[in-house]
Amino acid sequence: MDSTTARRARGGGLWEGLYRVLMRRNSVYVTVVVAGAFAGERMVDYGVHKLWDYNNAGKKYEDIPVLGQRQSE
């Protein structure tokens, strides 16, 4: 009996274990979905922000050295 067959015979395996832990109760499943959505949103927001900063370096308001100063006449 190879390891895959033995693992299935014992009822193990990564996906089966995750299914048993996460989807047995609806409250746990909903919590994982909400937490995953929040974490995913934060990661996408961070990535888009860094990409925007990289593409607009030197063009942003913060990059202007003398804001609000008039040139001397």
N, C-alpha and C. Protein backbone atom coordinates (compact mmCIF):
# COMPACT_ATOMS: atom_id res chain seq x y z
N MET A 1 0.85 -1.17 0.00
CA MET A 1 0.00 0.00 0.00
C MET A 1 0.90 1.24 0.00
N ASP A 2 0.73 2.12 -0.98
CA ASP A 2 1.56 3.32 -1.02
C ASP A 2 1.05 4.38 -0.04
N SER A 3 1.81 5.46 0.11
CA SER A 3 1.47 6.46 1.13
C SER A 3 0.16 7.17 0.85
N THR A 4 -0.15 7.41 -0.42
CA THR A 4 -1.41 8.08 -0.75
C THR A 4 -2.61 7.23 -0.38
N THR A 5 -2.54 5.95 -0.69
CA THR A 5 -3.63 5.05 -0.35
C THR A 5 -3.77 4.91 1.16
N ALA A 6 -2.64 4.85 1.86
CA ALA A 6 -2.68 4.72 3.32
C ALA A 6 -3.27 5.97 3.95
N ARG A 7 -2.91 7.12 3.41
CA ARG A 7 -3.43 8.37 3.96
C ARG A 7 -4.94 8.46 3.76
N ARG A 8 -5.40 8.05 2.58
CA ARG A 8 -6.84 8.08 2.33
C ARG A 8 -7.58 7.07 3.18
N ALA A 9 -6.96 5.94 3.43
CA ALA A 9 -7.59 4.91 4.25
C ALA A 9 -7.76 5.40 5.69
N ARG A 10 -6.82 6.21 6.17
CA ARG A 10 -6.93 6.76 7.53
C ARG A 10 -7.87 7.95 7.58
N GLY A 11 -8.26 8.46 6.44
CA GLY A 11 -9.14 9.63 6.42
C GLY A 11 -8.36 10.92 6.51
N GLY A 12 -7.09 10.90 6.14
CA GLY A 12 -6.24 12.08 6.22
C GLY A 12 -6.18 12.81 4.91
N GLY A 13 -5.13 13.56 4.75
CA GLY A 13 -4.97 14.36 3.56
C GLY A 13 -5.23 15.82 3.88
N LEU A 14 -4.56 16.66 3.17
CA LEU A 14 -4.65 18.10 3.43
C LEU A 14 -6.07 18.63 3.21
N TRP A 15 -6.63 18.34 2.02
CA TRP A 15 -7.94 18.90 1.71
C TRP A 15 -9.05 18.33 2.59
N GLU A 16 -8.95 17.06 2.91
CA GLU A 16 -9.95 16.47 3.79
C GLU A 16 -9.87 17.07 5.19
N GLY A 17 -8.66 17.28 5.67
CA GLY A 17 -8.46 17.88 6.99
C GLY A 17 -8.98 19.31 7.05
N LEU A 18 -8.67 20.09 6.01
CA LEU A 18 -9.17 21.47 5.96
C LEU A 18 -10.70 21.48 5.89
N TYR A 19 -11.25 20.57 5.11
CA TYR A 19 -12.71 20.50 5.02
C TYR A 19 -13.31 20.20 6.38
N ARG A 20 -12.71 19.23 7.09
CA ARG A 20 -13.25 18.86 8.40
C ARG A 20 -13.14 20.02 9.39
N VAL A 21 -12.03 20.77 9.34
CA VAL A 21 -11.82 21.85 10.31
C VAL A 21 -12.67 23.07 9.97
N LEU A 22 -12.70 23.46 8.70
CA LEU A 22 -13.32 24.73 8.32
C LEU A 22 -14.80 24.66 7.98
N MET A 23 -15.25 23.55 7.47
CA MET A 23 -16.62 23.52 6.97
C MET A 23 -17.57 22.68 7.80
N ARG A 24 -17.12 22.19 8.90
CA ARG A 24 -18.02 21.39 9.74
C ARG A 24 -19.10 22.27 10.36
N ARG A 25 -18.71 23.47 10.77
CA ARG A 25 -19.68 24.39 11.38
C ARG A 25 -19.79 25.64 10.52
N ASN A 26 -20.99 26.12 10.33
CA ASN A 26 -21.24 27.28 9.50
C ASN A 26 -20.57 28.53 10.07
N SER A 27 -20.55 28.68 11.38
CA SER A 27 -19.96 29.88 11.98
C SER A 27 -18.46 29.96 11.71
N VAL A 28 -17.78 28.83 11.73
CA VAL A 28 -16.34 28.81 11.44
C VAL A 28 -16.13 29.14 9.96
N TYR A 29 -16.93 28.58 9.08
CA TYR A 29 -16.81 28.83 7.66
C TYR A 29 -17.02 30.31 7.34
N VAL A 30 -18.04 30.91 7.90
CA VAL A 30 -18.33 32.32 7.65
C VAL A 30 -17.20 33.19 8.19
N THR A 31 -16.67 32.86 9.36
CA THR A 31 -15.56 33.62 9.94
C THR A 31 -14.33 33.55 9.05
N VAL A 32 -14.02 32.38 8.52
CA VAL A 32 -12.86 32.23 7.63
C VAL A 32 -13.07 33.00 6.34
N VAL A 33 -14.26 32.98 5.80
CA VAL A 33 -14.54 33.72 4.56
C VAL A 33 -14.41 35.22 4.79
N VAL A 34 -14.96 35.74 5.88
CA VAL A 34 -14.89 37.18 6.17
C VAL A 34 -13.44 37.60 6.44
N ALA A 35 -12.73 36.81 7.23
CA ALA A 35 -11.32 37.15 7.52
C ALA A 35 -10.47 37.06 6.26
N GLY A 36 -10.73 36.08 5.41
CA GLY A 36 -10.00 35.97 4.15
C GLY A 36 -10.28 37.12 3.21
N ALA A 37 -11.53 37.56 3.16
CA ALA A 37 -11.88 38.71 2.32
C ALA A 37 -11.20 39.97 2.83
N PHE A 38 -11.18 40.16 4.14
CA PHE A 38 -10.53 41.34 4.71
C PHE A 38 -9.03 41.31 4.43
N ALA A 39 -8.39 40.18 4.66
CA ALA A 39 -6.94 40.07 4.42
C ALA A 39 -6.62 40.23 2.94
N GLY A 40 -7.44 39.66 2.08
CA GLY A 40 -7.22 39.80 0.64
C GLY A 40 -7.38 41.24 0.18
N GLU A 41 -8.35 41.93 0.72
CA GLU A 41 -8.56 43.34 0.38
C GLU A 41 -7.37 44.18 0.80
N ARG A 42 -6.84 43.90 1.99
CA ARG A 42 -5.67 44.65 2.47
C ARG A 42 -4.45 44.40 1.59
N MET A 43 -4.24 43.15 1.18
CA MET A 43 -3.09 42.82 0.33
C MET A 43 -3.21 43.48 -1.05
N VAL A 44 -4.40 43.46 -1.64
CA VAL A 44 -4.60 44.09 -2.94
C VAL A 44 -4.42 45.60 -2.83
N ASP A 45 -4.96 46.21 -1.77
CA ASP A 45 -4.82 47.64 -1.56
C ASP A 45 -3.35 48.03 -1.42
N TYR A 46 -2.60 47.27 -0.65
CA TYR A 46 -1.17 47.55 -0.46
C TYR A 46 -0.42 47.44 -1.80
N GLY A 47 -0.70 46.39 -2.56
CA GLY A 47 -0.02 46.19 -3.83
C GLY A 47 -0.33 47.28 -4.84
N VAL A 48 -1.60 47.66 -4.95
CA VAL A 48 -1.99 48.71 -5.89
C VAL A 48 -1.38 50.04 -5.47
N HIS A 49 -1.35 50.32 -4.17
CA HIS A 49 -0.76 51.57 -3.68
C HIS A 49 0.73 51.64 -4.02
N LYS A 50 1.46 50.54 -3.78
CA LYS A 50 2.89 50.51 -4.10
C LYS A 50 3.11 50.65 -5.60
N LEU A 51 2.30 50.00 -6.42
CA LEU A 51 2.42 50.11 -7.87
C LEU A 51 2.15 51.53 -8.34
N TRP A 52 1.13 52.18 -7.77
CA TRP A 52 0.80 53.56 -8.13
C TRP A 52 1.95 54.49 -7.73
N ASP A 53 2.50 54.31 -6.53
CA ASP A 53 3.63 55.13 -6.10
C ASP A 53 4.83 54.94 -7.01
N TYR A 54 5.09 53.70 -7.41
CA TYR A 54 6.23 53.41 -8.28
C TYR A 54 6.05 54.08 -9.65
N ASN A 55 4.85 54.01 -10.22
CA ASN A 55 4.60 54.58 -11.54
C ASN A 55 4.51 56.10 -11.53
N ASN A 56 4.24 56.70 -10.40
CA ASN A 56 4.08 58.16 -10.32
C ASN A 56 5.17 58.82 -9.49
N ALA A 57 6.31 58.19 -9.34
CA ALA A 57 7.41 58.78 -8.58
C ALA A 57 7.86 60.07 -9.26
N GLY A 58 7.97 61.14 -8.46
CA GLY A 58 8.38 62.44 -8.97
C GLY A 58 7.24 63.28 -9.51
N LYS A 59 6.04 62.74 -9.56
CA LYS A 59 4.89 63.46 -10.12
C LYS A 59 3.85 63.80 -9.06
N LYS A 60 4.09 63.42 -7.83
CA LYS A 60 3.09 63.60 -6.78
C LYS A 60 3.26 64.94 -6.08
N TYR A 61 2.23 65.34 -5.38
CA TYR A 61 2.22 66.60 -4.64
C TYR A 61 3.36 66.65 -3.62
N GLU A 62 3.64 65.53 -2.97
CA GLU A 62 4.69 65.47 -1.95
C GLU A 62 6.08 65.65 -2.55
N ASP A 63 6.22 65.43 -3.85
CA ASP A 63 7.53 65.50 -4.49
C ASP A 63 7.92 66.92 -4.90
N ILE A 64 7.02 67.87 -4.82
CA ILE A 64 7.32 69.25 -5.20
C ILE A 64 8.08 69.89 -4.04
N PRO A 65 9.31 70.37 -4.27
CA PRO A 65 10.13 70.85 -3.15
C PRO A 65 9.68 72.17 -2.54
N VAL A 66 9.16 73.09 -3.32
CA VAL A 66 8.80 74.40 -2.79
C VAL A 66 7.33 74.69 -3.06
N LEU A 67 6.49 74.22 -2.20
CA LEU A 67 5.06 74.42 -2.36
C LEU A 67 4.65 75.75 -1.73
N GLY A 68 3.89 76.53 -2.47
CA GLY A 68 3.34 77.75 -1.93
C GLY A 68 4.31 78.90 -1.85
N GLN A 69 5.49 78.77 -2.35
CA GLN A 69 6.45 79.88 -2.33
C GLN A 69 6.43 80.58 -3.68
N ARG A 70 6.42 81.91 -3.61
CA ARG A 70 6.45 82.67 -4.85
C ARG A 70 7.90 82.91 -5.24
N GLN A 71 8.10 82.95 -6.53
CA GLN A 71 9.44 83.25 -7.00
C GLN A 71 9.72 84.74 -6.76
N SER A 72 10.97 85.01 -6.40
CA SER A 72 11.31 86.43 -6.16
C SER A 72 11.33 87.18 -7.48
N GLU A 73 10.88 88.43 -7.40
CA GLU A 73 10.75 89.24 -8.62
C GLU A 73 12.00 89.98 -8.91
